[in-house]
Amino acid sequence: MDDKISRSEEVYSKLREIVQAMDIHSKYLHKYYGLSGPQLTILNELSNIDKMPTGQLAQKVSLSQATVTDIIDRLEEKELVTRQRSSFDKRKVYIQISDKGRAIMQKNPSLLKEEFIRQFNELEDWEQTLILSSMQRIVSMMKPSKIIKNDQKNIKNSQQIIKKE
């Protein structure tokens, strides 16, 4: 039993190290470029194409459309992107990187994702599959809905204990 607990603690500790590495990288990007990791990820995606609808961009960077819209608002304030309404479908908004945004991307800010992909691609197929499978399992275990559901049971039990006292 102790081995399982120590293993689970070690896995959780490694997850915290991943979060910490992402946080350190994000602070570095903000300090030297004045942008967050997600903002640079979006600029990087836009630098490879002419323009892209917001929904497609959200899918490409694996963020919700609402989050991407918020990020685009901030990038637009900094004049790093522009929005264009479709002339055919007024509901569709295209995002395009500006010259100022391209200038930042030409400085080639290091994106944690790119370094990870480079190293991941050097792994053997079986290692990649094992990591992917493990990460999928971890993500399903850490879904907020599961954690909140369990927490709500604990809250209910705590409230019942308090009422008895």
C-alpha atoms as a PDB file:
ATOM      1  CA  MET A   1       0.000   0.000   0.000  1.00  0.00           C
ATOM      2  CA  ASP A   2       2.824   2.424   0.877  1.00  0.00           C
ATOM      3  CA  ASP A   3       4.428   1.820  -2.528  1.00  0.00           C
ATOM      4  CA  LYS A   4       1.172   2.811  -4.242  1.00  0.00           C
ATOM      5  CA  ILE A   5       0.886   5.951  -2.141  1.00  0.00           C
ATOM      6  CA  SER A   6       4.486   6.959  -2.755  1.00  0.00           C
ATOM      7  CA  ARG A   7       4.093   6.262  -6.477  1.00  0.00           C
ATOM      8  CA  SER A   8       0.927   8.335  -6.671  1.00  0.00           C
ATOM      9  CA  GLU A   9       2.641  11.141  -4.728  1.00  0.00           C
ATOM     10  CA  GLU A  10       5.586  10.981  -7.129  1.00  0.00           C
ATOM     11  CA  VAL A  11       3.311  11.133 -10.192  1.00  0.00           C
ATOM     12  CA  TYR A  12       1.452  14.088  -8.704  1.00  0.00           C
ATOM     13  CA  SER A  13       4.787  15.753  -7.937  1.00  0.00           C
ATOM     14  CA  LYS A  14       5.832  15.302 -11.591  1.00  0.00           C
ATOM     15  CA  LEU A  15       2.569  16.903 -12.712  1.00  0.00           C
ATOM     16  CA  ARG A  16       3.361  19.872 -10.486  1.00  0.00           C
ATOM     17  CA  GLU A  17       6.830  20.053 -12.086  1.00  0.00           C
ATOM     18  CA  ILE A  18       5.190  20.224 -15.521  1.00  0.00           C
ATOM     19  CA  VAL A  19       2.908  23.040 -14.366  1.00  0.00           C
ATOM     20  CA  GLN A  20       5.890  24.826 -12.808  1.00  0.00           C
ATOM     21  CA  ALA A  21       7.949  24.498 -16.026  1.00  0.00           C
ATOM     22  CA  MET A  22       5.064  25.958 -18.011  1.00  0.00           C
ATOM     23  CA  ASP A  23       4.701  28.788 -15.491  1.00  0.00           C
ATOM     24  CA  ILE A  24       8.436  29.619 -15.604  1.00  0.00           C
ATOM     25  CA  HIS A  25       8.381  29.593 -19.398  1.00  0.00           C
ATOM     26  CA  SER A  26       5.297  31.806 -19.422  1.00  0.00           C
ATOM     27  CA  LYS A  27       7.008  34.320 -17.107  1.00  0.00           C
ATOM     28  CA  TYR A  28      10.067  34.309 -19.378  1.00  0.00           C
ATOM     29  CA  LEU A  29       7.908  35.020 -22.440  1.00  0.00           C
ATOM     30  CA  HIS A  30       6.068  37.797 -20.634  1.00  0.00           C
ATOM     31  CA  LYS A  31       9.303  39.385 -19.412  1.00  0.00           C
ATOM     32  CA  TYR A  32      11.073  39.400 -22.794  1.00  0.00           C
ATOM     33  CA  TYR A  33       8.168  39.657 -25.247  1.00  0.00           C
ATOM     34  CA  GLY A  34       5.346  41.094 -23.153  1.00  0.00           C
ATOM     35  CA  LEU A  35       3.115  38.197 -24.166  1.00  0.00           C
ATOM     36  CA  SER A  36       1.774  35.023 -22.594  1.00  0.00           C
ATOM     37  CA  GLY A  37       2.383  31.522 -23.907  1.00  0.00           C
ATOM     38  CA  PRO A  38      -1.146  31.226 -25.349  1.00  0.00           C
ATOM     39  CA  GLN A  39      -0.814  34.653 -27.018  1.00  0.00           C
ATOM     40  CA  LEU A  40       2.449  33.598 -28.676  1.00  0.00           C
ATOM     41  CA  THR A  41       0.937  30.249 -29.647  1.00  0.00           C
ATOM     42  CA  ILE A  42      -1.870  32.082 -31.447  1.00  0.00           C
ATOM     43  CA  LEU A  43       0.555  34.491 -33.130  1.00  0.00           C
ATOM     44  CA  ASN A  44       2.697  31.539 -34.188  1.00  0.00           C
ATOM     45  CA  GLU A  45      -0.318  29.790 -35.702  1.00  0.00           C
ATOM     46  CA  LEU A  46      -1.385  32.952 -37.538  1.00  0.00           C
ATOM     47  CA  SER A  47       2.136  33.626 -38.826  1.00  0.00           C
ATOM     48  CA  ASN A  48       1.935  30.502 -40.990  1.00  0.00           C
ATOM     49  CA  ILE A  49      -1.244  31.491 -42.850  1.00  0.00           C
ATOM     50  CA  ASP A  50      -2.989  34.511 -44.348  1.00  0.00           C
ATOM     51  CA  LYS A  51      -6.023  34.563 -42.052  1.00  0.00           C
ATOM     52  CA  MET A  52      -8.153  32.123 -40.096  1.00  0.00           C
ATOM     53  CA  PRO A  53     -11.682  32.084 -38.641  1.00  0.00           C
ATOM     54  CA  THR A  54     -11.785  32.336 -34.845  1.00  0.00           C
ATOM     55  CA  GLY A  55     -13.412  28.913 -34.405  1.00  0.00           C
ATOM     56  CA  GLN A  56     -10.826  27.164 -36.556  1.00  0.00           C
ATOM     57  CA  LEU A  57      -8.031  28.970 -34.702  1.00  0.00           C
ATOM     58  CA  ALA A  58      -9.483  27.800 -31.373  1.00  0.00           C
ATOM     59  CA  GLN A  59      -9.462  24.196 -32.600  1.00  0.00           C
ATOM     60  CA  LYS A  60      -5.924  24.528 -33.941  1.00  0.00           C
ATOM     61  CA  VAL A  61      -4.514  25.774 -30.613  1.00  0.00           C
ATOM     62  CA  SER A  62      -6.737  23.500 -28.464  1.00  0.00           C
ATOM     63  CA  LEU A  63      -8.444  26.314 -26.558  1.00  0.00           C
ATOM     64  CA  SER A  64     -12.112  27.211 -26.216  1.00  0.00           C
ATOM     65  CA  GLN A  65     -13.499  29.789 -28.616  1.00  0.00           C
ATOM     66  CA  ALA A  66     -14.267  32.112 -25.678  1.00  0.00           C
ATOM     67  CA  THR A  67     -10.655  31.914 -24.471  1.00  0.00           C
ATOM     68  CA  VAL A  68      -9.321  32.572 -27.966  1.00  0.00           C
ATOM     69  CA  THR A  69     -11.663  35.558 -28.305  1.00  0.00           C
ATOM     70  CA  ASP A  70     -10.290  37.010 -25.040  1.00  0.00           C
ATOM     71  CA  ILE A  71      -6.711  36.452 -26.213  1.00  0.00           C
ATOM     72  CA  ILE A  72      -7.488  38.023 -29.599  1.00  0.00           C
ATOM     73  CA  ASP A  73      -8.950  41.064 -27.782  1.00  0.00           C
ATOM     74  CA  ARG A  74      -5.639  41.557 -25.954  1.00  0.00           C
ATOM     75  CA  LEU A  75      -3.564  40.962 -29.092  1.00  0.00           C
ATOM     76  CA  GLU A  76      -5.730  43.427 -31.004  1.00  0.00           C
ATOM     77  CA  GLU A  77      -5.215  46.059 -28.266  1.00  0.00           C
ATOM     78  CA  LYS A  78      -1.459  45.612 -28.765  1.00  0.00           C
ATOM     79  CA  GLU A  79      -1.983  45.900 -32.554  1.00  0.00           C
ATOM     80  CA  LEU A  80      -0.532  42.428 -33.135  1.00  0.00           C
ATOM     81  CA  VAL A  81      -3.599  41.063 -34.950  1.00  0.00           C
ATOM     82  CA  THR A  82      -6.568  42.416 -36.866  1.00  0.00           C
ATOM     83  CA  ARG A  83     -10.123  41.164 -37.203  1.00  0.00           C
ATOM     84  CA  GLN A  84     -11.988  41.062 -40.507  1.00  0.00           C
ATOM     85  CA  ARG A  85     -15.651  40.196 -40.969  1.00  0.00           C
ATOM     86  CA  SER A  86     -16.382  37.886 -43.860  1.00  0.00           C
ATOM     87  CA  SER A  87     -17.992  39.697 -46.762  1.00  0.00           C
ATOM     88  CA  PHE A  88     -20.093  36.573 -47.437  1.00  0.00           C
ATOM     89  CA  ASP A  89     -21.099  35.612 -43.897  1.00  0.00           C
ATOM     90  CA  LYS A  90     -21.178  38.503 -41.424  1.00  0.00           C
ATOM     91  CA  ARG A  91     -21.172  36.047 -38.500  1.00  0.00           C
ATOM     92  CA  LYS A  92     -17.726  34.773 -39.458  1.00  0.00           C
ATOM     93  CA  VAL A  93     -14.713  36.739 -38.210  1.00  0.00           C
ATOM     94  CA  TYR A  94     -11.238  36.160 -39.603  1.00  0.00           C
ATOM     95  CA  ILE A  95      -8.110  36.844 -37.588  1.00  0.00           C
ATOM     96  CA  GLN A  96      -4.941  38.006 -39.308  1.00  0.00           C
ATOM     97  CA  ILE A  97      -1.499  38.709 -37.859  1.00  0.00           C
ATOM     98  CA  SER A  98      -0.340  42.316 -38.291  1.00  0.00           C
ATOM     99  CA  ASP A  99       3.099  43.484 -39.408  1.00  0.00           C
ATOM    100  CA  LYS A 100       3.883  44.275 -35.778  1.00  0.00           C
ATOM    101  CA  GLY A 101       2.862  40.715 -34.826  1.00  0.00           C
ATOM    102  CA  ARG A 102       5.048  39.272 -37.595  1.00  0.00           C
ATOM    103  CA  ALA A 103       7.994  41.350 -36.345  1.00  0.00           C
ATOM    104  CA  ILE A 104       7.667  39.711 -32.922  1.00  0.00           C
ATOM    105  CA  MET A 105       7.465  36.244 -34.447  1.00  0.00           C
ATOM    106  CA  GLN A 106      10.577  36.940 -36.555  1.00  0.00           C
ATOM    107  CA  LYS A 107      12.481  37.339 -33.275  1.00  0.00           C
ATOM    108  CA  ASN A 108      11.711  33.633 -32.974  1.00  0.00           C
ATOM    109  CA  PRO A 109      10.478  33.387 -29.381  1.00  0.00           C
ATOM    110  CA  SER A 110      11.005  29.864 -28.102  1.00  0.00           C
ATOM    111  CA  LEU A 111       7.732  28.083 -27.569  1.00  0.00           C
ATOM    112  CA  LEU A 112       7.752  25.305 -24.995  1.00  0.00           C
ATOM    113  CA  LYS A 113       5.471  23.292 -27.269  1.00  0.00           C
ATOM    114  CA  GLU A 114       7.977  23.277 -30.129  1.00  0.00           C
ATOM    115  CA  GLU A 115      10.831  22.062 -27.910  1.00  0.00           C
ATOM    116  CA  PHE A 116       8.577  19.394 -26.427  1.00  0.00           C
ATOM    117  CA  ILE A 117       7.506  18.221 -29.898  1.00  0.00           C
ATOM    118  CA  ARG A 118      11.124  18.046 -31.059  1.00  0.00           C
ATOM    119  CA  GLN A 119      12.130  15.879 -28.097  1.00  0.00           C
ATOM    120  CA  PHE A 120       8.940  13.794 -28.201  1.00  0.00           C
ATOM    121  CA  ASN A 121       9.480  13.004 -31.892  1.00  0.00           C
ATOM    122  CA  GLU A 122      12.932  11.620 -31.061  1.00  0.00           C
ATOM    123  CA  LEU A 123      11.350   8.941 -28.843  1.00  0.00           C
ATOM    124  CA  GLU A 124      10.630   5.428 -30.085  1.00  0.00           C
ATOM    125  CA  ASP A 125       7.051   4.759 -31.230  1.00  0.00           C
ATOM    126  CA  TRP A 126       6.336   2.560 -28.214  1.00  0.00           C
ATOM    127  CA  GLU A 127       7.496   5.325 -25.845  1.00  0.00           C
ATOM    128  CA  GLN A 128       5.297   7.885 -27.595  1.00  0.00           C
ATOM    129  CA  THR A 129       2.297   5.553 -27.375  1.00  0.00           C
ATOM    130  CA  LEU A 130       2.943   4.822 -23.698  1.00  0.00           C
ATOM    131  CA  ILE A 131       3.235   8.523 -22.828  1.00  0.00           C
ATOM    132  CA  LEU A 132       0.121   9.414 -24.823  1.00  0.00           C
ATOM    133  CA  SER A 133      -1.904   6.663 -23.190  1.00  0.00           C
ATOM    134  CA  SER A 134      -0.710   7.659 -19.721  1.00  0.00           C
ATOM    135  CA  MET A 135      -1.440  11.335 -20.304  1.00  0.00           C
ATOM    136  CA  GLN A 136      -4.936  10.559 -21.611  1.00  0.00           C
ATOM    137  CA  ARG A 137      -5.609   8.555 -18.470  1.00  0.00           C
ATOM    138  CA  ILE A 138      -4.251  11.320 -16.209  1.00  0.00           C
ATOM    139  CA  VAL A 139      -6.383  13.941 -17.955  1.00  0.00           C
ATOM    140  CA  SER A 140      -9.505  11.827 -17.459  1.00  0.00           C
ATOM    141  CA  MET A 141      -8.606  11.396 -13.767  1.00  0.00           C
ATOM    142  CA  MET A 142      -8.152  15.142 -13.274  1.00  0.00           C
ATOM    143  CA  LYS A 143     -11.267  16.389 -15.042  1.00  0.00           C
ATOM    144  CA  PRO A 144     -12.683  19.204 -12.903  1.00  0.00           C
ATOM    145  CA  SER A 145     -16.189  17.731 -13.105  1.00  0.00           C
ATOM    146  CA  LYS A 146     -15.018  14.536 -11.350  1.00  0.00           C
ATOM    147  CA  ILE A 147     -13.120  16.443  -8.680  1.00  0.00           C
ATOM    148  CA  ILE A 148     -16.021  18.832  -8.025  1.00  0.00           C
ATOM    149  CA  LYS A 149     -18.507  15.951  -7.852  1.00  0.00           C
ATOM    150  CA  ASN A 150     -16.375  14.201  -5.211  1.00  0.00           C
ATOM    151  CA  ASP A 151     -15.849  17.473  -3.358  1.00  0.00           C
ATOM    152  CA  GLN A 152     -19.598  18.146  -3.271  1.00  0.00           C
ATOM    153  CA  LYS A 153     -20.116  14.782  -1.558  1.00  0.00           C
ATOM    154  CA  ASN A 154     -17.490  15.748   1.030  1.00  0.00           C
ATOM    155  CA  ILE A 155     -19.133  19.148   1.566  1.00  0.00           C
ATOM    156  CA  LYS A 156     -22.518  17.491   2.091  1.00  0.00           C
ATOM    157  CA  ASN A 157     -21.003  15.057   4.620  1.00  0.00           C
ATOM    158  CA  SER A 158     -19.218  17.924   6.417  1.00  0.00           C
ATOM    159  CA  GLN A 159     -22.439  19.930   6.608  1.00  0.00           C
ATOM    160  CA  GLN A 160     -24.268  16.951   8.118  1.00  0.00           C
ATOM    161  CA  ILE A 161     -21.529  16.524  10.734  1.00  0.00           C
ATOM    162  CA  ILE A 162     -21.681  20.221  11.642  1.00  0.00           C
ATOM    163  CA  LYS A 163     -25.492  20.094  12.005  1.00  0.00           C
ATOM    164  CA  LYS A 164     -25.200  17.150  14.421  1.00  0.00           C
ATOM    165  CA  GLU A 165     -22.848  19.122  16.677  1.00  0.00           C
END
